[in-house]
Amino acid sequence: MAEQGTQPDDGTEVREAIATGRATLGIELGSTNIKACLIGPDHAPIASGSHAWENELADGVWTYSLDAVHAGLQGAYAALVADVERRYGVRPTTYAALGVSAMMHGYLPFDADGELLVPFRTWRNTNTGPAAAELSALFGYNIPLRWSIAHLYQAILDDEPHVPQVASFTTLAGYVHRALTGRHVLGVGDASGMFPIDPATGDYDARMLEQFRHLAAAKRPGLDVGGLLPQVLSAGADAGRLTPEGAALLDPSGTLQPGVLLCPPEGDAGTGMVATGSVAPRTGNISAGTSIFAMVVLERPLTSVHHELDLVTTPAGDLVAMVHCNNGASELDAWAGVFGQFAAALGAPAEPDAVFGALFRAALDGAPDGGGLLAYNYLAGEPITGLDEGRPLVVRTPDSRLTLANFARTQLYGVFGTLALGMRVLHGEGVAIDTMFAHGGLFRTAGVAQRLLAGAIDAPVAVGQTAGEGGAWGIALLAAYARAAADATGQDAPALDAYLAEQVFADARLDVAEPAADDVAGFAAYLKRYSAGLAVERAATTAL
């Protein structure tokens, strides 16, 4: 792969690739941004566009409206096109392939006419406890609160009036893909966060489907969940073509032409794995944003069921242990905003990246254990620690050392705290990890979050030049892989891990941080206090 941001001196080759439809487009709907990433035939990013958005708490439900989804898609695509025109003086009319990804899980139920029956319930909602507990016990398989099947079954338990009308349900990526192609399909990685997947078949687990049918029959006779779920597709499959309606949705100007090949829609966990080249056993990745999660590709099934771990798959269908934490870097972002306002009040305004850089660099000078401070980033409930609601907190003892360096370090530790608890469960299962790859905006400041994360999980952490590109680049790579598979007429397409290793990451430069002994010991001391301090967090959720 060419180095990120490198193009021929005058952009001629890139311009020609765009004009002739040989560039590939990926769009990811993240929790705070919808990002579009355009890559050239060498897989390097050549243009991007984004649209900011935020979830809303409506009637006690975390949601995004479909109007916001449509406006965000158009905004991100328009920003991408504007970037292309500015850089290369050409407006794209078609692409080699296109892919869509989004936040995993959640619940989008539709009736037979394709109308949404209730507002989109995102992964952030934690009202599905009874359903998740009952399904986990029935299946002998951990069903987290945010999984789509938990949302459906909770709606059944609550006898919600929309349930008899449900003709299909899907994830956000599945919804957008159907809007673009008319096909009710889902990539296996995203599908594995709706309902358990059998790695042997690459499809929904038949035994569990039958168990669910019997369970639901008492309240909803005849409900066939297998007929409601999207069709499962593996990476490289032809997932449909851009329809005229889909082209108009993305580009109301009419410049974008229908007929573009789409890859299977995927979740942000799967695109993070692809964007870091970590789809083979003994590899894993950590994605940090509004939520933070780790994906570790397993060599063998786990020996026990753990509520801290999801079992999902790579976009190729290989088994993955996922440590998903509802709360990520949002509280850190809020504190950075406060420091930015303070700088402006002093008459020295600074850009957000400069504020983050200053905080992160200060963290390196903090005490290895955070100096006695604790930070909880819980804006929402956190299933791993058994909290239905969250209260962001900074806690310290009278003899703690409140300095900027310790404060900054503990805010970063707070991002990694719950994740580290889940990673220790994996360690107890004897899961071996050669290297963890990190990506997301948290890792743009070189050597800080990466080093502290290595200490937190006691494993090497690698960051590549595309760490800031994230999932939009990952889904663009999956779209390029689908194009390569479609063009491999008469011969087998390479496996996804081989394709990434040989054609995308063969020449990639990685910065690897080994865990430092002081950081490992310091974070272990911090995590011990963090675990004990959860009593304070629980008390806060009842008192405030």
Protein backbone atom coordinates (compact mmCIF):
# COMPACT_ATOMS: atom_id res chain seq x y z
CA MET A 1 0.00 0.00 0.00
CA ALA A 2 1.24 3.48 -0.76
CA GLU A 3 1.96 5.64 2.24
CA GLN A 4 -1.07 7.54 3.51
CA GLY A 5 -1.45 10.86 1.80
CA THR A 6 1.10 10.18 -0.94
CA GLN A 7 0.05 10.72 -4.55
CA PRO A 8 1.89 11.40 -7.80
CA ASP A 9 3.28 14.93 -7.89
CA ASP A 10 0.48 16.37 -10.03
CA GLY A 11 -2.28 13.93 -9.05
CA THR A 12 -2.70 12.72 -12.64
CA GLU A 13 -2.98 9.03 -11.84
CA VAL A 14 -5.39 9.60 -8.99
CA ARG A 15 -7.49 11.96 -11.10
CA GLU A 16 -7.70 9.36 -13.87
CA ALA A 17 -8.67 6.62 -11.41
CA ILE A 18 -11.51 8.77 -10.10
CA ALA A 19 -12.68 9.85 -13.55
CA THR A 20 -12.74 6.27 -14.83
CA GLY A 21 -14.53 4.84 -11.82
CA ARG A 22 -11.59 2.85 -10.44
CA ALA A 23 -11.63 4.45 -6.98
CA THR A 24 -13.50 2.73 -4.14
CA LEU A 25 -15.77 4.39 -1.59
CA GLY A 26 -16.39 3.48 2.04
CA ILE A 27 -18.90 5.17 4.33
CA GLU A 28 -19.13 4.53 8.06
CA LEU A 29 -21.82 5.86 10.37
CA GLY A 30 -20.06 6.26 13.69
CA SER A 31 -21.51 7.51 16.92
CA THR A 32 -20.47 11.15 16.48
CA ASN A 33 -19.40 11.34 12.83
CA ILE A 34 -20.42 9.89 9.51
CA LYS A 35 -17.24 9.58 7.48
CA ALA A 36 -16.68 8.87 3.81
CA CYS A 37 -13.27 7.64 2.62
CA LEU A 38 -12.20 7.29 -1.00
CA ILE A 39 -9.27 5.01 -1.83
CA GLY A 40 -7.31 4.53 -5.02
CA PRO A 41 -6.38 1.28 -6.76
CA ASP A 42 -3.39 0.98 -4.37
CA HIS A 43 -5.79 1.11 -1.37
CA ALA A 44 -4.37 4.40 -0.05
CA PRO A 45 -6.87 7.08 1.07
CA ILE A 46 -7.11 9.86 -1.52
CA ALA A 47 -10.06 11.94 -0.24
CA SER A 48 -12.49 12.10 2.64
CA GLY A 49 -15.57 13.83 3.91
CA SER A 50 -17.47 13.83 7.18
CA HIS A 51 -20.68 14.94 8.80
CA ALA A 52 -21.05 15.44 12.55
CA TRP A 53 -24.10 14.10 14.32
CA GLU A 54 -25.15 13.07 17.82
CA ASN A 55 -27.54 10.56 19.29
CA GLU A 56 -30.48 11.88 21.26
CA LEU A 57 -32.25 10.59 24.35
CA ALA A 58 -35.93 10.54 23.37
CA ASP A 59 -38.49 9.09 25.79
CA GLY A 60 -35.70 7.29 27.61
CA VAL A 61 -34.27 5.71 24.44
CA TRP A 62 -30.92 6.52 22.82
CA THR A 63 -31.69 6.98 19.14
CA TYR A 64 -30.93 8.63 15.81
CA SER A 65 -33.81 9.55 13.51
CA LEU A 66 -33.90 8.19 9.98
CA ASP A 67 -34.06 11.77 8.74
CA ALA A 68 -30.75 12.35 10.51
CA VAL A 69 -29.35 9.20 8.88
CA HIS A 70 -30.33 10.39 5.41
CA ALA A 71 -29.11 13.95 5.97
CA GLY A 72 -25.85 12.64 7.40
CA LEU A 73 -25.21 10.33 4.46
CA GLN A 74 -25.79 13.18 2.04
CA GLY A 75 -23.66 15.55 4.09
CA ALA A 76 -20.71 13.17 4.33
CA TYR A 77 -20.92 12.27 0.63
CA ALA A 78 -21.17 15.93 -0.42
CA ALA A 79 -18.12 16.74 1.71
CA LEU A 80 -16.20 13.90 0.07
CA VAL A 81 -17.12 15.08 -3.42
CA ALA A 82 -16.09 18.63 -2.52
CA ASP A 83 -12.73 17.31 -1.29
CA VAL A 84 -12.24 15.36 -4.53
CA GLU A 85 -13.04 18.41 -6.66
CA ARG A 86 -10.73 20.62 -4.61
CA ARG A 87 -7.84 18.18 -4.78
CA TYR A 88 -8.19 16.77 -8.29
CA GLY A 89 -10.60 18.96 -10.24
CA VAL A 90 -12.95 16.12 -11.14
CA ARG A 91 -16.37 15.05 -9.85
CA PRO A 92 -16.89 11.28 -9.48
CA THR A 93 -19.85 9.70 -11.23
CA THR A 94 -19.24 6.05 -10.35
CA TYR A 95 -16.91 3.83 -8.31
CA ALA A 96 -15.25 0.43 -8.57
CA ALA A 97 -17.21 -0.58 -5.48
CA LEU A 98 -18.94 0.88 -2.46
CA GLY A 99 -19.36 -0.27 1.13
CA VAL A 100 -21.35 0.89 4.15
CA SER A 101 -20.65 0.19 7.80
CA ALA A 102 -22.09 1.50 11.02
CA MET A 103 -22.35 1.02 14.75
CA MET A 104 -23.20 -2.61 15.51
CA HIS A 105 -26.20 -4.05 17.35
CA GLY A 106 -29.36 -2.17 18.21
CA TYR A 107 -32.86 -2.59 16.82
CA LEU A 108 -34.50 -1.30 13.65
CA PRO A 109 -37.81 -3.17 13.09
CA PHE A 110 -39.82 -2.68 9.90
CA ASP A 111 -43.28 -3.68 8.76
CA ALA A 112 -44.10 -5.35 5.44
CA ASP A 113 -44.16 -1.96 3.70
CA GLY A 114 -40.70 -1.05 4.93
CA GLU A 115 -41.88 1.46 7.50
CA LEU A 116 -39.93 1.78 10.74
CA LEU A 117 -42.19 0.65 13.59
CA VAL A 118 -40.39 2.24 16.56
CA PRO A 119 -37.48 4.70 16.72
CA PHE A 120 -34.04 3.15 16.20
CA ARG A 121 -32.81 1.70 19.50
CA THR A 122 -29.04 1.95 19.49
CA TRP A 123 -26.39 -0.21 21.15
CA ARG A 124 -26.29 2.30 23.99
CA ASN A 125 -29.65 1.27 25.47
CA THR A 126 -29.52 -1.02 28.50
CA ASN A 127 -33.21 -1.75 29.07
CA THR A 128 -32.94 -5.34 27.78
CA GLY A 129 -31.64 -6.99 30.95
CA PRO A 130 -34.42 -9.57 31.44
CA ALA A 131 -34.31 -10.64 27.79
CA ALA A 132 -30.53 -10.86 27.64
CA ALA A 133 -30.36 -12.90 30.85
CA GLU A 134 -33.06 -15.35 29.73
CA LEU A 135 -31.54 -15.82 26.27
CA SER A 136 -28.03 -16.28 27.67
CA ALA A 137 -29.29 -19.02 29.99
CA LEU A 138 -31.31 -20.68 27.21
CA PHE A 139 -28.52 -20.69 24.63
CA GLY A 140 -25.58 -21.25 26.98
CA TYR A 141 -24.07 -18.34 25.10
CA ASN A 142 -23.57 -14.76 26.24
CA ILE A 143 -26.22 -12.46 24.77
CA PRO A 144 -25.28 -8.88 25.70
CA LEU A 145 -27.86 -6.19 26.37
CA ARG A 146 -27.19 -4.37 23.11
CA TRP A 147 -27.66 -7.36 20.76
CA SER A 148 -30.55 -7.08 18.34
CA ILE A 149 -32.15 -10.35 19.45
CA ALA A 150 -32.19 -9.09 23.04
CA HIS A 151 -34.05 -5.98 21.86
CA LEU A 152 -36.59 -8.06 19.93
CA TYR A 153 -37.20 -10.47 22.79
CA GLN A 154 -37.49 -7.63 25.32
CA ALA A 155 -40.16 -6.09 23.09
CA ILE A 156 -41.94 -9.48 23.14
CA LEU A 157 -41.65 -9.73 26.94
CA ASP A 158 -43.01 -6.20 27.29
CA ASP A 159 -45.86 -7.03 24.90
CA GLU A 160 -45.08 -3.97 22.79
CA PRO A 161 -47.85 -3.34 20.25
CA HIS A 162 -45.48 -3.12 17.29
CA VAL A 163 -44.23 -6.70 17.60
CA PRO A 164 -47.02 -8.43 15.57
CA GLN A 165 -46.22 -6.10 12.65
CA VAL A 166 -42.48 -6.84 12.48
CA ALA A 167 -41.63 -8.19 9.04
CA SER A 168 -37.86 -7.67 9.32
CA PHE A 169 -35.30 -6.15 11.62
CA THR A 170 -31.71 -5.14 11.09
CA THR A 171 -28.81 -2.95 12.18
CA LEU A 172 -28.03 0.59 11.06
CA ALA A 173 -25.59 -0.64 8.40
CA GLY A 174 -28.21 -3.12 7.19
CA TYR A 175 -30.80 -0.36 6.95
CA VAL A 176 -28.56 1.94 4.91
CA HIS A 177 -27.48 -0.92 2.65
CA ARG A 178 -31.10 -1.85 1.92
CA ALA A 179 -31.86 1.81 1.18
CA LEU A 180 -29.01 1.82 -1.36
CA THR A 181 -29.57 -1.62 -2.94
CA GLY A 182 -32.99 -2.91 -1.93
CA ARG A 183 -31.39 -6.05 -0.42
CA HIS A 184 -32.01 -7.25 3.15
CA VAL A 185 -28.52 -8.63 3.81
CA LEU A 186 -25.73 -8.20 6.35
CA GLY A 187 -22.06 -9.03 6.57
CA VAL A 188 -21.38 -11.94 8.89
CA GLY A 189 -19.48 -9.78 11.38
CA ASP A 190 -22.39 -7.39 11.83
CA ALA A 191 -24.89 -10.25 11.77
CA SER A 192 -23.00 -11.93 14.63
CA GLY A 193 -24.03 -9.00 16.82
CA MET A 194 -27.68 -9.57 16.00
CA PHE A 195 -27.90 -13.33 16.64
CA PRO A 196 -25.23 -15.98 17.32
CA ILE A 197 -23.39 -17.31 14.28
CA ASP A 198 -22.24 -20.91 13.82
CA PRO A 199 -18.64 -20.59 12.54
CA ALA A 200 -18.95 -24.00 10.87
CA THR A 201 -21.74 -22.81 8.57
CA GLY A 202 -21.15 -19.07 8.49
CA ASP A 203 -24.87 -18.58 9.17
CA TYR A 204 -27.13 -18.08 12.16
CA ASP A 205 -26.87 -20.93 14.66
CA ALA A 206 -29.67 -23.36 13.73
CA ARG A 207 -30.01 -24.85 17.22
CA MET A 208 -30.43 -21.46 18.82
CA LEU A 209 -32.90 -20.33 16.16
CA GLU A 210 -35.06 -23.33 16.99
CA GLN A 211 -34.73 -22.67 20.73
CA PHE A 212 -35.84 -19.07 20.19
CA ARG A 213 -38.84 -20.19 18.13
CA HIS A 214 -40.05 -22.40 20.99
CA LEU A 215 -39.39 -19.68 23.57
CA ALA A 216 -41.23 -16.98 21.63
CA ALA A 217 -44.14 -19.28 20.74
CA ALA A 218 -45.67 -18.87 24.19
CA LYS A 219 -46.21 -15.15 23.60
CA ARG A 220 -46.01 -14.86 19.81
CA PRO A 221 -47.10 -18.11 18.13
CA GLY A 222 -45.75 -18.44 14.60
CA LEU A 223 -43.03 -15.85 15.00
CA ASP A 224 -40.09 -17.12 12.93
CA VAL A 225 -37.03 -15.06 13.80
CA GLY A 226 -35.04 -16.73 11.02
CA GLY A 227 -37.39 -15.14 8.50
CA LEU A 228 -36.98 -11.69 10.04
CA LEU A 229 -33.19 -11.56 10.18
CA PRO A 230 -31.07 -10.32 7.26
CA GLN A 231 -29.40 -12.85 4.97
CA VAL A 232 -25.80 -13.45 6.08
CA LEU A 233 -22.96 -12.81 3.60
CA SER A 234 -19.24 -13.28 4.04
CA ALA A 235 -16.57 -10.79 2.97
CA GLY A 236 -16.05 -10.75 -0.78
CA ALA A 237 -19.65 -11.58 -1.64
CA ASP A 238 -21.67 -9.57 -4.15
CA ALA A 239 -24.19 -7.77 -1.91
CA GLY A 240 -26.08 -5.98 -4.67
CA ARG A 241 -25.86 -2.92 -6.86
CA LEU A 242 -26.60 0.72 -6.23
CA THR A 243 -30.16 1.38 -7.37
CA PRO A 244 -31.35 4.67 -8.91
CA GLU A 245 -33.12 5.39 -5.62
CA GLY A 246 -29.95 4.61 -3.69
CA ALA A 247 -27.85 6.87 -5.92
CA ALA A 248 -30.35 9.70 -5.41
CA LEU A 249 -30.25 9.17 -1.65
CA LEU A 250 -26.47 9.58 -1.54
CA ASP A 251 -26.25 12.29 -4.18
CA PRO A 252 -29.44 14.29 -4.76
CA SER A 253 -27.63 16.27 -7.49
CA GLY A 254 -28.00 13.27 -9.81
CA THR A 255 -24.30 13.08 -10.70
CA LEU A 256 -23.75 9.68 -9.08
CA GLN A 257 -24.87 6.89 -11.41
CA PRO A 258 -26.52 3.62 -10.30
CA GLY A 259 -25.01 0.18 -10.83
CA VAL A 260 -22.04 0.35 -8.43
CA LEU A 261 -21.16 -2.98 -6.76
CA LEU A 262 -21.67 -3.03 -3.00
CA CYS A 263 -19.90 -5.31 -0.53
CA PRO A 264 -21.77 -6.80 2.43
CA PRO A 265 -22.57 -4.10 5.02
CA GLU A 266 -20.50 -4.47 8.15
CA GLY A 267 -20.33 -3.25 11.71
CA ASP A 268 -17.72 -0.91 13.09
CA ALA A 269 -16.03 -3.77 14.94
CA GLY A 270 -15.39 -5.65 11.70
CA THR A 271 -14.18 -2.61 9.81
CA GLY A 272 -11.81 -1.83 12.68
CA MET A 273 -10.31 -5.29 12.31
CA VAL A 274 -9.86 -4.79 8.58
CA ALA A 275 -8.44 -1.27 8.99
CA THR A 276 -5.75 -2.68 11.27
CA GLY A 277 -5.11 -5.88 9.32
CA SER A 278 -6.05 -7.96 12.36
CA VAL A 279 -8.30 -10.70 11.01
CA ALA A 280 -6.01 -13.71 11.61
CA PRO A 281 -5.80 -15.76 14.85
CA ARG A 282 -3.62 -14.34 17.66
CA THR A 283 -4.19 -10.82 16.37
CA GLY A 284 -6.61 -8.24 17.66
CA ASN A 285 -7.51 -4.61 17.56
CA ILE A 286 -8.81 -1.92 19.84
CA SER A 287 -11.08 0.83 18.57
CA ALA A 288 -11.59 3.92 20.70
CA GLY A 289 -14.40 6.39 20.14
CA THR A 290 -17.67 7.05 21.95
CA SER A 291 -17.41 3.41 22.95
CA ILE A 292 -14.22 1.39 23.22
CA PHE A 293 -13.90 -2.23 22.31
CA ALA A 294 -11.30 -4.90 21.70
CA MET A 295 -11.55 -7.70 19.13
CA VAL A 296 -9.31 -10.76 19.51
CA VAL A 297 -9.38 -13.49 16.85
CA LEU A 298 -9.47 -16.84 18.60
CA GLU A 299 -7.55 -20.00 17.81
CA ARG A 300 -10.18 -22.11 19.59
CA PRO A 301 -13.56 -21.61 21.31
CA LEU A 302 -13.57 -20.33 24.88
CA THR A 303 -14.02 -22.89 27.65
CA SER A 304 -16.70 -20.93 29.54
CA VAL A 305 -19.40 -18.34 29.03
CA HIS A 306 -18.37 -14.88 30.30
CA HIS A 307 -20.70 -11.92 30.55
CA GLU A 308 -17.72 -9.63 29.86
CA LEU A 309 -17.13 -11.20 26.44
CA ASP A 310 -19.20 -11.31 23.25
CA LEU A 311 -18.50 -14.02 20.72
CA VAL A 312 -18.76 -12.50 17.27
CA THR A 313 -16.90 -13.04 13.99
CA THR A 314 -14.53 -11.36 11.59
CA PRO A 315 -16.03 -10.21 8.26
CA ALA A 316 -14.78 -13.57 6.93
CA GLY A 317 -16.65 -15.52 9.62
CA ASP A 318 -13.82 -16.50 12.01
CA LEU A 319 -14.61 -16.56 15.73
CA VAL A 320 -13.72 -13.45 17.72
CA ALA A 321 -13.89 -12.57 21.41
CA MET A 322 -15.13 -9.02 21.79
CA VAL A 323 -14.76 -6.86 24.88
CA HIS A 324 -17.26 -4.06 24.33
CA CYS A 325 -17.51 -1.10 26.69
CA ASN A 326 -20.38 1.34 26.27
CA ASN A 327 -18.26 4.28 27.42
CA GLY A 328 -15.16 5.41 25.60
CA ALA A 329 -13.57 8.81 25.02
CA SER A 330 -16.61 11.10 25.32
CA GLU A 331 -15.82 12.19 28.88
CA LEU A 332 -12.20 12.83 27.92
CA ASP A 333 -13.50 14.96 25.03
CA ALA A 334 -15.66 16.94 27.45
CA TRP A 335 -12.70 17.69 29.72
CA ALA A 336 -10.60 18.72 26.73
CA GLY A 337 -13.40 21.15 25.85
CA VAL A 338 -13.24 22.64 29.35
CA PHE A 339 -9.49 23.15 29.06
CA GLY A 340 -9.99 24.72 25.63
CA GLN A 341 -12.50 27.17 27.14
CA PHE A 342 -10.02 27.95 29.94
CA ALA A 343 -7.31 28.70 27.39
CA ALA A 344 -9.67 31.02 25.53
CA ALA A 345 -10.60 32.76 28.80
CA LEU A 346 -6.90 33.47 29.33
CA GLY A 347 -6.74 35.06 25.88
CA ALA A 348 -4.83 32.16 24.31
CA PRO A 349 -7.44 30.18 22.33
CA ALA A 350 -6.24 26.85 20.98
CA GLU A 351 -7.54 24.38 18.41
CA PRO A 352 -8.98 21.14 19.83
CA ASP A 353 -6.08 19.07 18.47
CA ALA A 354 -3.61 21.36 20.27
CA VAL A 355 -5.56 20.98 23.54
CA PHE A 356 -5.63 17.21 23.20
CA GLY A 357 -1.92 17.16 22.37
CA ALA A 358 -1.06 19.19 25.47
CA LEU A 359 -3.18 16.96 27.72
CA PHE A 360 -1.79 13.77 26.26
CA ARG A 361 1.81 14.91 26.56
CA ALA A 362 1.18 15.93 30.17
CA ALA A 363 -0.14 12.40 30.86
CA LEU A 364 3.32 10.98 30.17
CA ASP A 365 4.62 12.87 33.21
CA GLY A 366 1.89 11.54 35.50
CA ALA A 367 2.55 9.01 38.25
CA PRO A 368 2.32 5.43 36.91
CA ASP A 369 -0.69 4.75 39.18
CA GLY A 370 -2.31 8.13 38.50
CA GLY A 371 -1.22 9.65 41.80
CA GLY A 372 -4.24 8.39 43.73
CA LEU A 373 -6.86 9.84 41.37
CA LEU A 374 -9.73 7.88 39.80
CA ALA A 375 -11.72 8.75 36.67
CA TYR A 376 -14.96 7.08 35.61
CA ASN A 377 -16.08 7.85 32.07
CA TYR A 378 -19.58 6.42 32.55
CA LEU A 379 -21.97 8.65 30.60
CA ALA A 380 -24.14 5.57 29.99
CA GLY A 381 -24.65 2.25 31.70
CA GLU A 382 -21.80 -0.26 31.58
CA PRO A 383 -22.83 -3.94 31.43
CA ILE A 384 -19.31 -5.26 32.11
CA THR A 385 -19.36 -3.65 35.55
CA GLY A 386 -23.07 -4.28 36.09
CA LEU A 387 -24.26 -0.66 35.89
CA ASP A 388 -27.56 0.20 34.20
CA GLU A 389 -26.79 3.93 34.31
CA GLY A 390 -23.63 5.98 34.39
CA ARG A 391 -22.34 9.02 36.25
CA PRO A 392 -19.05 10.57 35.08
CA LEU A 393 -16.87 11.03 38.13
CA VAL A 394 -13.43 12.22 39.20
CA VAL A 395 -12.64 10.82 42.63
CA ARG A 396 -9.58 11.32 44.81
CA THR A 397 -8.46 10.82 48.37
CA PRO A 398 -7.13 13.69 50.53
CA ASP A 399 -3.56 12.44 50.13
CA SER A 400 -3.76 12.10 46.33
CA ARG A 401 -1.65 14.35 44.12
CA LEU A 402 -3.91 16.50 41.95
CA THR A 403 -1.70 17.73 39.12
CA LEU A 404 -2.39 18.27 35.45
CA ALA A 405 -0.18 15.29 34.62
CA ASN A 406 -1.98 12.93 37.02
CA PHE A 407 -5.38 14.24 35.96
CA ALA A 408 -4.61 13.71 32.28
CA ARG A 409 -3.20 10.23 32.88
CA THR A 410 -6.21 9.12 34.90
CA GLN A 411 -8.62 10.43 32.27
CA LEU A 412 -6.85 8.17 29.75
CA TYR A 413 -6.82 5.35 32.28
CA GLY A 414 -10.55 5.92 32.69
CA VAL A 415 -11.05 5.26 28.97
CA PHE A 416 -9.18 1.94 29.32
CA GLY A 417 -10.47 0.83 32.75
CA THR A 418 -13.49 -1.30 31.87
CA LEU A 419 -11.73 -2.63 28.78
CA ALA A 420 -8.85 -3.85 30.93
CA LEU A 421 -11.28 -5.76 33.17
CA GLY A 422 -12.57 -7.65 30.13
CA MET A 423 -9.08 -8.27 28.76
CA ARG A 424 -8.12 -9.90 32.04
CA VAL A 425 -10.95 -12.40 31.53
CA LEU A 426 -9.43 -13.29 28.15
CA HIS A 427 -6.05 -13.71 29.80
CA GLY A 428 -7.63 -16.10 32.28
CA GLU A 429 -8.88 -18.18 29.32
CA GLY A 430 -5.29 -18.53 28.11
CA VAL A 431 -5.92 -16.53 24.93
CA ALA A 432 -2.60 -15.63 23.33
CA ILE A 433 -2.15 -12.26 21.62
CA ASP A 434 0.91 -11.45 19.52
CA THR A 435 0.03 -7.80 18.91
CA MET A 436 -2.96 -5.54 19.41
CA PHE A 437 -3.55 -2.94 16.73
CA ALA A 438 -5.11 0.34 17.84
CA HIS A 439 -7.04 2.83 15.76
CA GLY A 440 -9.28 5.83 16.15
CA GLY A 441 -8.70 9.50 16.85
CA LEU A 442 -7.47 8.79 20.38
CA PHE A 443 -4.21 7.52 18.85
CA ARG A 444 -3.46 10.51 16.63
CA THR A 445 -1.13 12.02 19.24
CA ALA A 446 1.91 9.83 18.73
CA GLY A 447 3.13 7.60 21.52
CA VAL A 448 0.80 8.57 24.38
CA ALA A 449 -2.52 6.68 24.41
CA GLN A 450 -0.70 3.85 22.64
CA ARG A 451 1.94 3.54 25.37
CA LEU A 452 -0.58 3.74 28.22
CA LEU A 453 -2.82 1.19 26.54
CA ALA A 454 0.13 -1.22 26.21
CA GLY A 455 0.62 -0.90 29.96
CA ALA A 456 -3.08 -1.37 30.64
CA ILE A 457 -3.41 -4.63 28.70
CA ASP A 458 0.23 -5.78 29.16
CA ALA A 459 0.65 -6.49 25.45
CA PRO A 460 2.36 -4.76 22.51
CA VAL A 461 0.16 -2.14 20.84
CA ALA A 462 0.76 -1.21 17.20
CA VAL A 463 -0.48 1.93 15.50
CA GLY A 464 -0.24 2.38 11.74
CA GLN A 465 -0.26 5.49 9.61
CA THR A 466 -3.96 4.97 8.95
CA ALA A 467 -4.88 4.87 12.66
CA GLY A 468 -6.94 8.02 12.28
CA GLU A 469 -8.80 6.77 9.18
CA GLY A 470 -10.66 4.11 11.13
CA GLY A 471 -13.68 2.21 9.91
CA ALA A 472 -14.47 4.25 6.81
CA TRP A 473 -11.14 3.11 5.39
CA GLY A 474 -11.86 -0.43 6.62
CA ILE A 475 -15.18 -0.68 4.76
CA ALA A 476 -13.56 0.83 1.67
CA LEU A 477 -11.01 -2.02 1.83
CA LEU A 478 -13.84 -4.56 2.12
CA ALA A 479 -15.47 -2.98 -0.92
CA ALA A 480 -12.17 -3.25 -2.82
CA TYR A 481 -11.96 -6.90 -1.75
CA ALA A 482 -15.47 -7.54 -3.10
CA ARG A 483 -14.42 -5.93 -6.39
CA ALA A 484 -11.33 -8.14 -6.54
CA ALA A 485 -13.44 -11.24 -5.83
CA ALA A 486 -15.93 -10.26 -8.55
CA ASP A 487 -13.08 -9.76 -11.04
CA ALA A 488 -11.45 -13.12 -10.19
CA THR A 489 -13.37 -14.90 -12.94
CA GLY A 490 -12.54 -18.57 -13.19
CA GLN A 491 -10.20 -18.56 -10.21
CA ASP A 492 -10.53 -18.41 -6.45
CA ALA A 493 -10.20 -15.02 -4.82
CA PRO A 494 -7.58 -14.85 -2.05
CA ALA A 495 -8.75 -15.24 1.54
CA LEU A 496 -9.39 -11.93 3.30
CA ASP A 497 -6.39 -12.23 5.63
CA ALA A 498 -4.08 -12.99 2.67
CA TYR A 499 -5.54 -10.13 0.62
CA LEU A 500 -4.93 -7.65 3.43
CA ALA A 501 -1.45 -8.96 4.25
CA GLU A 502 -0.23 -9.10 0.65
CA GLN A 503 -2.02 -6.23 -1.08
CA VAL A 504 -2.77 -3.67 1.63
CA PHE A 505 -0.34 -3.96 4.54
CA ALA A 506 2.72 -5.55 2.95
CA ASP A 507 4.69 -2.29 3.08
CA ALA A 508 2.80 -0.61 5.90
CA ARG A 509 4.87 1.11 8.57
CA LEU A 510 3.85 0.38 12.14
CA ASP A 511 4.80 2.05 15.39
CA VAL A 512 4.81 -0.66 18.08
CA ALA A 513 4.80 0.19 21.79
CA GLU A 514 5.94 -2.57 24.10
CA PRO A 515 4.46 -2.51 27.61
CA ALA A 516 6.80 -0.73 30.04
CA ALA A 517 7.20 -2.38 33.44
CA ASP A 518 6.40 0.83 35.35
CA ASP A 519 3.24 1.40 33.30
CA VAL A 520 2.08 -2.21 33.75
CA ALA A 521 2.60 -2.08 37.52
CA GLY A 522 1.13 1.42 37.80
CA PHE A 523 -2.00 0.56 35.85
CA ALA A 524 -2.47 -2.66 37.85
CA ALA A 525 -2.47 -0.55 41.04
CA TYR A 526 -4.86 1.92 39.41
CA LEU A 527 -7.21 -0.87 38.28
CA LYS A 528 -7.33 -2.30 41.80
CA ARG A 529 -8.50 1.10 43.10
CA TYR A 530 -10.80 1.46 40.09
CA SER A 531 -12.54 -1.86 40.88
CA ALA A 532 -12.94 -0.95 44.56
CA GLY A 533 -14.17 2.53 43.65
CA LEU A 534 -17.04 1.15 41.58
CA ALA A 535 -18.99 1.22 44.83
CA VAL A 536 -18.83 5.02 44.59
CA GLU A 537 -20.07 4.89 41.01
CA ARG A 538 -22.98 2.65 42.00
CA ALA A 539 -23.89 4.96 44.87
CA ALA A 540 -23.83 7.94 42.51
CA THR A 541 -26.31 6.31 40.14
CA THR A 542 -28.84 6.02 42.95
CA ALA A 543 -28.17 9.40 44.58
CA LEU A 544 -27.82 11.66 41.53
